[in-house]
Amino acid sequence: MKKSFSIVTLVVLALAVSGVHAQEACKVLLPQISGSYQGDCKKGLAHGQGKAKGTDQYEGQFRNGLPDGKGTYIWSTGEKYKGQ
């Protein structure tokens, strides 16, 4: 019982630490939305589904740190674009 509890605890801690590390190292390369980022990462860059906020906001697909694919971009003026 102790052994299985220890293994589960180690796995949970390892996942928590790796998740925190990935978020800290993940960058968005477009200055207007590079304030904060939550989402998928690859090699330190936003890659996959994510949400970025700066002066403007973007939620959708990223590739190599830049918006790429389907998403919604909202400018600081409130104007919105949804699409590809």
PDB file of N, CA and C in Angstrom:
ATOM      1  N   MET A   1       0.829  -1.199   0.000  1.00  0.00           N
ATOM      2  CA  MET A   1       0.000   0.000   0.000  1.00  0.00           C
ATOM      3  C   MET A   1       0.869   1.256   0.000  1.00  0.00           C
ATOM      4  N   LYS A   2       1.904   1.281   0.858  1.00  0.00           N
ATOM      5  CA  LYS A   2       2.777   2.451   0.914  1.00  0.00           C
ATOM      6  C   LYS A   2       3.499   2.657  -0.410  1.00  0.00           C
ATOM      7  N   LYS A   3       3.911   1.550  -1.035  1.00  0.00           N
ATOM      8  CA  LYS A   3       4.663   1.633  -2.278  1.00  0.00           C
ATOM      9  C   LYS A   3       3.802   2.239  -3.398  1.00  0.00           C
ATOM     10  N   SER A   4       2.560   1.793  -3.520  1.00  0.00           N
ATOM     11  CA  SER A   4       1.694   2.326  -4.574  1.00  0.00           C
ATOM     12  C   SER A   4       1.347   3.791  -4.312  1.00  0.00           C
ATOM     13  N   PHE A   5       1.161   4.175  -3.065  1.00  0.00           N
ATOM     14  CA  PHE A   5       0.898   5.568  -2.728  1.00  0.00           C
ATOM     15  C   PHE A   5       2.098   6.429  -3.092  1.00  0.00           C
ATOM     16  N   SER A   6       3.302   5.954  -2.815  1.00  0.00           N
ATOM     17  CA  SER A   6       4.518   6.701  -3.134  1.00  0.00           C
ATOM     18  C   SER A   6       4.678   6.885  -4.638  1.00  0.00           C
ATOM     19  N   ILE A   7       4.392   5.859  -5.398  1.00  0.00           N
ATOM     20  CA  ILE A   7       4.508   5.942  -6.855  1.00  0.00           C
ATOM     21  C   ILE A   7       3.500   6.949  -7.412  1.00  0.00           C
ATOM     22  N   VAL A   8       2.267   6.880  -6.952  1.00  0.00           N
ATOM     23  CA  VAL A   8       1.238   7.817  -7.401  1.00  0.00           C
ATOM     24  C   VAL A   8       1.640   9.247  -7.041  1.00  0.00           C
ATOM     25  N   THR A   9       2.132   9.461  -5.844  1.00  0.00           N
ATOM     26  CA  THR A   9       2.559  10.781  -5.407  1.00  0.00           C
ATOM     27  C   THR A   9       3.683  11.305  -6.287  1.00  0.00           C
ATOM     28  N   LEU A  10       4.655  10.483  -6.598  1.00  0.00           N
ATOM     29  CA  LEU A  10       5.763  10.892  -7.454  1.00  0.00           C
ATOM     30  C   LEU A  10       5.291  11.253  -8.861  1.00  0.00           C
ATOM     31  N   VAL A  11       4.385  10.481  -9.403  1.00  0.00           N
ATOM     32  CA  VAL A  11       3.861  10.759 -10.741  1.00  0.00           C
ATOM     33  C   VAL A  11       3.122  12.097 -10.749  1.00  0.00           C
ATOM     34  N   VAL A  12       2.277  12.326  -9.769  1.00  0.00           N
ATOM     35  CA  VAL A  12       1.525  13.582  -9.684  1.00  0.00           C
ATOM     36  C   VAL A  12       2.480  14.768  -9.554  1.00  0.00           C
ATOM     37  N   LEU A  13       3.476  14.663  -8.712  1.00  0.00           N
ATOM     38  CA  LEU A  13       4.455  15.747  -8.550  1.00  0.00           C
ATOM     39  C   LEU A  13       5.228  15.993  -9.841  1.00  0.00           C
ATOM     40  N   ALA A  14       5.635  14.940 -10.518  1.00  0.00           N
ATOM     41  CA  ALA A  14       6.375  15.090 -11.774  1.00  0.00           C
ATOM     42  C   ALA A  14       5.527  15.799 -12.825  1.00  0.00           C
ATOM     43  N   LEU A  15       4.251  15.449 -12.926  1.00  0.00           N
ATOM     44  CA  LEU A  15       3.367  16.107 -13.889  1.00  0.00           C
ATOM     45  C   LEU A  15       3.148  17.568 -13.533  1.00  0.00           C
ATOM     46  N   ALA A  16       2.987  17.862 -12.265  1.00  0.00           N
ATOM     47  CA  ALA A  16       2.786  19.247 -11.828  1.00  0.00           C
ATOM     48  C   ALA A  16       4.012  20.099 -12.132  1.00  0.00           C
ATOM     49  N   VAL A  17       5.189  19.586 -11.838  1.00  0.00           N
ATOM     50  CA  VAL A  17       6.424  20.332 -12.084  1.00  0.00           C
ATOM     51  C   VAL A  17       6.643  20.532 -13.577  1.00  0.00           C
ATOM     52  N   SER A  18       6.418  19.513 -14.395  1.00  0.00           N
ATOM     53  CA  SER A  18       6.624  19.648 -15.839  1.00  0.00           C
ATOM     54  C   SER A  18       5.615  20.627 -16.440  1.00  0.00           C
ATOM     55  N   GLY A  19       4.393  20.658 -15.949  1.00  0.00           N
ATOM     56  CA  GLY A  19       3.394  21.600 -16.439  1.00  0.00           C
ATOM     57  C   GLY A  19       3.748  23.027 -16.114  1.00  0.00           C
ATOM     58  N   VAL A  20       4.242  23.275 -14.922  1.00  0.00           N
ATOM     59  CA  VAL A  20       4.654  24.623 -14.523  1.00  0.00           C
ATOM     60  C   VAL A  20       5.832  25.065 -15.354  1.00  0.00           C
ATOM     61  N   HIS A  21       6.791  24.191 -15.553  1.00  0.00           N
ATOM     62  CA  HIS A  21       7.981  24.532 -16.324  1.00  0.00           C
ATOM     63  C   HIS A  21       7.613  24.871 -17.766  1.00  0.00           C
ATOM     64  N   ALA A  22       6.715  24.110 -18.363  1.00  0.00           N
ATOM     65  CA  ALA A  22       6.334  24.348 -19.754  1.00  0.00           C
ATOM     66  C   ALA A  22       5.664  25.708 -19.904  1.00  0.00           C
ATOM     67  N   GLN A  23       4.813  26.092 -18.957  1.00  0.00           N
ATOM     68  CA  GLN A  23       4.132  27.366 -19.048  1.00  0.00           C
ATOM     69  C   GLN A  23       5.096  28.534 -18.901  1.00  0.00           C
ATOM     70  N   GLU A  24       6.088  28.417 -18.031  1.00  0.00           N
ATOM     71  CA  GLU A  24       7.045  29.502 -17.825  1.00  0.00           C
ATOM     72  C   GLU A  24       7.890  29.733 -19.064  1.00  0.00           C
ATOM     73  N   ALA A  25       8.220  28.678 -19.781  1.00  0.00           N
ATOM     74  CA  ALA A  25       9.137  28.778 -20.905  1.00  0.00           C
ATOM     75  C   ALA A  25       8.421  29.073 -22.224  1.00  0.00           C
ATOM     76  N   CYS A  26       7.117  29.102 -22.245  1.00  0.00           N
ATOM     77  CA  CYS A  26       6.362  29.249 -23.477  1.00  0.00           C
ATOM     78  C   CYS A  26       6.213  30.722 -23.865  1.00  0.00           C
ATOM     79  N   LYS A  27       6.585  31.063 -25.105  1.00  0.00           N
ATOM     80  CA  LYS A  27       6.545  32.459 -25.560  1.00  0.00           C
ATOM     81  C   LYS A  27       5.627  32.633 -26.757  1.00  0.00           C
ATOM     82  N   VAL A  28       5.041  33.834 -26.829  1.00  0.00           N
ATOM     83  CA  VAL A  28       4.265  34.277 -27.983  1.00  0.00           C
ATOM     84  C   VAL A  28       5.110  35.366 -28.643  1.00  0.00           C
ATOM     85  N   LEU A  29       5.316  35.270 -29.941  1.00  0.00           N
ATOM     86  CA  LEU A  29       6.225  36.177 -30.635  1.00  0.00           C
ATOM     87  C   LEU A  29       5.583  37.451 -31.175  1.00  0.00           C
ATOM     88  N   LEU A  30       4.266  37.546 -31.161  1.00  0.00           N
ATOM     89  CA  LEU A  30       3.582  38.754 -31.620  1.00  0.00           C
ATOM     90  C   LEU A  30       3.451  39.715 -30.435  1.00  0.00           C
ATOM     91  N   PRO A  31       4.159  40.856 -30.472  1.00  0.00           N
ATOM     92  CA  PRO A  31       4.199  41.756 -29.307  1.00  0.00           C
ATOM     93  C   PRO A  31       2.826  42.185 -28.778  1.00  0.00           C
ATOM     94  N   GLN A  32       1.851  42.369 -29.646  1.00  0.00           N
ATOM     95  CA  GLN A  32       0.526  42.844 -29.227  1.00  0.00           C
ATOM     96  C   GLN A  32      -0.216  41.854 -28.333  1.00  0.00           C
ATOM     97  N   ILE A  33       0.172  40.590 -28.363  1.00  0.00           N
ATOM     98  CA  ILE A  33      -0.527  39.579 -27.551  1.00  0.00           C
ATOM     99  C   ILE A  33       0.439  38.797 -26.659  1.00  0.00           C
ATOM    100  N   SER A  34       1.621  39.327 -26.426  1.00  0.00           N
ATOM    101  CA  SER A  34       2.644  38.554 -25.712  1.00  0.00           C
ATOM    102  C   SER A  34       2.682  38.781 -24.201  1.00  0.00           C
ATOM    103  N   GLY A  35       1.691  39.433 -23.622  1.00  0.00           N
ATOM    104  CA  GLY A  35       1.692  39.678 -22.182  1.00  0.00           C
ATOM    105  C   GLY A  35       1.574  38.413 -21.343  1.00  0.00           C
ATOM    106  N   SER A  36       0.584  37.592 -21.628  1.00  0.00           N
ATOM    107  CA  SER A  36       0.398  36.331 -20.911  1.00  0.00           C
ATOM    108  C   SER A  36      -0.079  35.278 -21.895  1.00  0.00           C
ATOM    109  N   TYR A  37       0.216  34.019 -21.574  1.00  0.00           N
ATOM    110  CA  TYR A  37      -0.180  32.917 -22.459  1.00  0.00           C
ATOM    111  C   TYR A  37      -0.555  31.699 -21.639  1.00  0.00           C
ATOM    112  N   GLN A  38      -1.654  31.056 -22.040  1.00  0.00           N
ATOM    113  CA  GLN A  38      -2.072  29.784 -21.467  1.00  0.00           C
ATOM    114  C   GLN A  38      -2.360  28.851 -22.629  1.00  0.00           C
ATOM    115  N   GLY A  39      -1.707  27.704 -22.635  1.00  0.00           N
ATOM    116  CA  GLY A  39      -1.991  26.755 -23.689  1.00  0.00           C
ATOM    117  C   GLY A  39      -0.827  25.832 -23.985  1.00  0.00           C
ATOM    118  N   ASP A  40      -0.897  25.222 -25.147  1.00  0.00           N
ATOM    119  CA  ASP A  40       0.090  24.240 -25.559  1.00  0.00           C
ATOM    120  C   ASP A  40       1.398  24.893 -25.976  1.00  0.00           C
ATOM    121  N   CYS A  41       2.484  24.158 -25.750  1.00  0.00           N
ATOM    122  CA  CYS A  41       3.833  24.644 -26.045  1.00  0.00           C
ATOM    123  C   CYS A  41       4.622  23.590 -26.799  1.00  0.00           C
ATOM    124  N   LYS A  42       5.567  24.063 -27.586  1.00  0.00           N
ATOM    125  CA  LYS A  42       6.506  23.166 -28.254  1.00  0.00           C
ATOM    126  C   LYS A  42       7.821  23.921 -28.406  1.00  0.00           C
ATOM    127  N   LYS A  43       8.870  23.377 -27.830  1.00  0.00           N
ATOM    128  CA  LYS A  43      10.211  23.974 -27.890  1.00  0.00           C
ATOM    129  C   LYS A  43      10.216  25.432 -27.415  1.00  0.00           C
ATOM    130  N   GLY A  44       9.462  25.703 -26.353  1.00  0.00           N
ATOM    131  CA  GLY A  44       9.453  27.027 -25.749  1.00  0.00           C
ATOM    132  C   GLY A  44       8.576  28.057 -26.427  1.00  0.00           C
ATOM    133  N   LEU A  45       7.834  27.659 -27.460  1.00  0.00           N
ATOM    134  CA  LEU A  45       6.959  28.585 -28.174  1.00  0.00           C
ATOM    135  C   LEU A  45       5.517  28.094 -28.127  1.00  0.00           C
ATOM    136  N   ALA A  46       4.577  29.051 -28.155  1.00  0.00           N
ATOM    137  CA  ALA A  46       3.162  28.708 -28.230  1.00  0.00           C
ATOM    138  C   ALA A  46       2.944  27.866 -29.477  1.00  0.00           C
ATOM    139  N   HIS A  47       2.329  26.698 -29.300  1.00  0.00           N
ATOM    140  CA  HIS A  47       2.144  25.780 -30.430  1.00  0.00           C
ATOM    141  C   HIS A  47       0.971  24.856 -30.107  1.00  0.00           C
ATOM    142  N   GLY A  48      -0.104  24.970 -30.870  1.00  0.00           N
ATOM    143  CA  GLY A  48      -1.316  24.211 -30.588  1.00  0.00           C
ATOM    144  C   GLY A  48      -2.406  25.177 -30.154  1.00  0.00           C
ATOM    145  N   GLN A  49      -3.322  24.710 -29.336  1.00  0.00           N
ATOM    146  CA  GLN A  49      -4.431  25.541 -28.858  1.00  0.00           C
ATOM    147  C   GLN A  49      -3.962  26.412 -27.700  1.00  0.00           C
ATOM    148  N   GLY A  50      -4.330  27.704 -27.725  1.00  0.00           N
ATOM    149  CA  GLY A  50      -3.939  28.572 -26.618  1.00  0.00           C
ATOM    150  C   GLY A  50      -4.679  29.888 -26.604  1.00  0.00           C
ATOM    151  N   LYS A  51      -4.373  30.658 -25.560  1.00  0.00           N
ATOM    152  CA  LYS A  51      -4.995  31.961 -25.354  1.00  0.00           C
ATOM    153  C   LYS A  51      -3.903  32.934 -24.924  1.00  0.00           C
ATOM    154  N   ALA A  52      -3.760  34.038 -25.664  1.00  0.00           N
ATOM    155  CA  ALA A  52      -2.723  35.026 -25.376  1.00  0.00           C
ATOM    156  C   ALA A  52      -3.356  36.397 -25.178  1.00  0.00           C
ATOM    157  N   LYS A  53      -2.832  37.136 -24.205  1.00  0.00           N
ATOM    158  CA  LYS A  53      -3.352  38.476 -23.922  1.00  0.00           C
ATOM    159  C   LYS A  53      -2.198  39.452 -23.786  1.00  0.00           C
ATOM    160  N   GLY A  54      -2.384  40.604 -24.362  1.00  0.00           N
ATOM    161  CA  GLY A  54      -1.477  41.739 -24.240  1.00  0.00           C
ATOM    162  C   GLY A  54      -2.346  42.970 -24.392  1.00  0.00           C
ATOM    163  N   THR A  55      -1.958  43.893 -25.250  1.00  0.00           N
ATOM    164  CA  THR A  55      -2.869  45.011 -25.563  1.00  0.00           C
ATOM    165  C   THR A  55      -4.075  44.468 -26.310  1.00  0.00           C
ATOM    166  N   ASP A  56      -3.835  43.476 -27.176  1.00  0.00           N
ATOM    167  CA  ASP A  56      -4.887  42.762 -27.883  1.00  0.00           C
ATOM    168  C   ASP A  56      -5.005  41.352 -27.287  1.00  0.00           C
ATOM    169  N   GLN A  57      -5.975  40.577 -27.766  1.00  0.00           N
ATOM    170  CA  GLN A  57      -6.171  39.203 -27.285  1.00  0.00           C
ATOM    171  C   GLN A  57      -6.351  38.263 -28.470  1.00  0.00           C
ATOM    172  N   TYR A  58      -5.908  37.031 -28.298  1.00  0.00           N
ATOM    173  CA  TYR A  58      -6.116  36.015 -29.331  1.00  0.00           C
ATOM    174  C   TYR A  58      -6.357  34.677 -28.645  1.00  0.00           C
ATOM    175  N   GLU A  59      -7.359  33.963 -29.143  1.00  0.00           N
ATOM    176  CA  GLU A  59      -7.617  32.608 -28.674  1.00  0.00           C
ATOM    177  C   GLU A  59      -7.815  31.723 -29.889  1.00  0.00           C
ATOM    178  N   GLY A  60      -6.999  30.671 -29.976  1.00  0.00           N
ATOM    179  CA  GLY A  60      -7.096  29.766 -31.102  1.00  0.00           C
ATOM    180  C   GLY A  60      -5.808  28.991 -31.291  1.00  0.00           C
ATOM    181  N   GLN A  61      -5.522  28.657 -32.536  1.00  0.00           N
ATOM    182  CA  GLN A  61      -4.351  27.852 -32.863  1.00  0.00           C
ATOM    183  C   GLN A  61      -3.089  28.711 -32.999  1.00  0.00           C
ATOM    184  N   PHE A  62      -1.987  28.165 -32.495  1.00  0.00           N
ATOM    185  CA  PHE A  62      -0.674  28.782 -32.622  1.00  0.00           C
ATOM    186  C   PHE A  62       0.263  27.812 -33.318  1.00  0.00           C
ATOM    187  N   ARG A  63       1.264  28.371 -33.980  1.00  0.00           N
ATOM    188  CA  ARG A  63       2.320  27.564 -34.581  1.00  0.00           C
ATOM    189  C   ARG A  63       3.617  28.353 -34.484  1.00  0.00           C
ATOM    190  N   ASN A  64       4.597  27.745 -33.849  1.00  0.00           N
ATOM    191  CA  ASN A  64       5.917  28.371 -33.682  1.00  0.00           C
ATOM    192  C   ASN A  64       5.839  29.768 -33.079  1.00  0.00           C
ATOM    193  N   GLY A  65       4.964  29.950 -32.092  1.00  0.00           N
ATOM    194  CA  GLY A  65       4.885  31.208 -31.360  1.00  0.00           C
ATOM    195  C   GLY A  65       3.980  32.263 -31.958  1.00  0.00           C
ATOM    196  N   LEU A  66       3.337  31.969 -33.075  1.00  0.00           N
ATOM    197  CA  LEU A  66       2.477  32.943 -33.748  1.00  0.00           C
ATOM    198  C   LEU A  66       1.081  32.371 -33.984  1.00  0.00           C
ATOM    199  N   PRO A  67       0.044  33.245 -34.011  1.00  0.00           N
ATOM    200  CA  PRO A  67      -1.294  32.770 -34.348  1.00  0.00           C
ATOM    201  C   PRO A  67      -1.267  32.116 -35.728  1.00  0.00           C
ATOM    202  N   ASP A  68      -1.907  30.955 -35.850  1.00  0.00           N
ATOM    203  CA  ASP A  68      -1.879  30.227 -37.117  1.00  0.00           C
ATOM    204  C   ASP A  68      -3.044  29.246 -37.137  1.00  0.00           C
ATOM    205  N   GLY A  69      -3.987  29.464 -38.027  1.00  0.00           N
ATOM    206  CA  GLY A  69      -5.141  28.578 -38.109  1.00  0.00           C
ATOM    207  C   GLY A  69      -6.384  29.275 -37.595  1.00  0.00           C
ATOM    208  N   LYS A  70      -7.355  28.503 -37.145  1.00  0.00           N
ATOM    209  CA  LYS A  70      -8.622  29.056 -36.670  1.00  0.00           C
ATOM    210  C   LYS A  70      -8.430  29.731 -35.319  1.00  0.00           C
ATOM    211  N   GLY A  71      -9.070  30.894 -35.175  1.00  0.00           N
ATOM    212  CA  GLY A  71      -8.992  31.589 -33.907  1.00  0.00           C
ATOM    213  C   GLY A  71      -9.806  32.868 -33.915  1.00  0.00           C
ATOM    214  N   THR A  72      -9.789  33.531 -32.773  1.00  0.00           N
ATOM    215  CA  THR A  72     -10.477  34.807 -32.610  1.00  0.00           C
ATOM    216  C   THR A  72      -9.472  35.838 -32.108  1.00  0.00           C
ATOM    217  N   TYR A  73      -9.350  36.934 -32.852  1.00  0.00           N
ATOM    218  CA  TYR A  73      -8.443  38.019 -32.483  1.00  0.00           C
ATOM    219  C   TYR A  73      -9.301  39.213 -32.085  1.00  0.00           C
ATOM    220  N   ILE A  74      -9.032  39.786 -30.915  1.00  0.00           N
ATOM    221  CA  ILE A  74      -9.773  40.957 -30.443  1.00  0.00           C
ATOM    222  C   ILE A  74      -8.781  42.089 -30.219  1.00  0.00           C
ATOM    223  N   TRP A  75      -8.953  43.176 -30.971  1.00  0.00           N
ATOM    224  CA  TRP A  75      -8.097  44.344 -30.819  1.00  0.00           C
ATOM    225  C   TRP A  75      -8.492  45.126 -29.579  1.00  0.00           C
ATOM    226  N   SER A  76      -7.595  45.982 -29.104  1.00  0.00           N
ATOM    227  CA  SER A  76      -7.844  46.798 -27.909  1.00  0.00           C
ATOM    228  C   SER A  76      -9.042  47.722 -28.096  1.00  0.00           C
ATOM    229  N   THR A  77      -9.411  48.022 -29.333  1.00  0.00           N
ATOM    230  CA  THR A  77     -10.574  48.876 -29.630  1.00  0.00           C
ATOM    231  C   THR A  77     -11.896  48.143 -29.477  1.00  0.00           C
ATOM    232  N   GLY A  78     -11.823  46.805 -29.328  1.00  0.00           N
ATOM    233  CA  GLY A  78     -13.032  46.003 -29.213  1.00  0.00           C
ATOM    234  C   GLY A  78     -13.429  45.325 -30.515  1.00  0.00           C
ATOM    235  N   GLU A  79     -12.781  45.709 -31.617  1.00  0.00           N
ATOM    236  CA  GLU A  79     -13.068  45.065 -32.902  1.00  0.00           C
ATOM    237  C   GLU A  79     -12.635  43.597 -32.810  1.00  0.00           C
ATOM    238  N   LYS A  80     -13.364  42.735 -33.492  1.00  0.00           N
ATOM    239  CA  LYS A  80     -13.127  41.298 -33.390  1.00  0.00           C
ATOM    240  C   LYS A  80     -13.069  40.658 -34.767  1.00  0.00           C
ATOM    241  N   TYR A  81     -12.151  39.715 -34.937  1.00  0.00           N
ATOM    242  CA  TYR A  81     -12.075  38.901 -36.151  1.00  0.00           C
ATOM    243  C   TYR A  81     -12.084  37.449 -35.729  1.00  0.00           C
ATOM    244  N   LYS A  82     -12.956  36.677 -36.338  1.00  0.00           N
ATOM    245  CA  LYS A  82     -13.031  35.246 -36.062  1.00  0.00           C
ATOM    246  C   LYS A  82     -12.911  34.518 -37.387  1.00  0.00           C
ATOM    247  N   GLY A  83     -11.957  33.606 -37.474  1.00  0.00           N
ATOM    248  CA  GLY A  83     -11.786  32.875 -38.723  1.00  0.00           C
ATOM    249  C   GLY A  83     -10.434  32.223 -38.830  1.00  0.00           C
ATOM    250  N   GLN A  84      -9.970  32.091 -40.055  1.00  0.00           N
ATOM    251  CA  GLN A  84      -8.712  31.421 -40.390  1.00  0.00           C
ATOM    252  C   GLN A  84      -7.583  32.417 -40.436  1.00  0.00           C
TER     253      GLN A  84
END
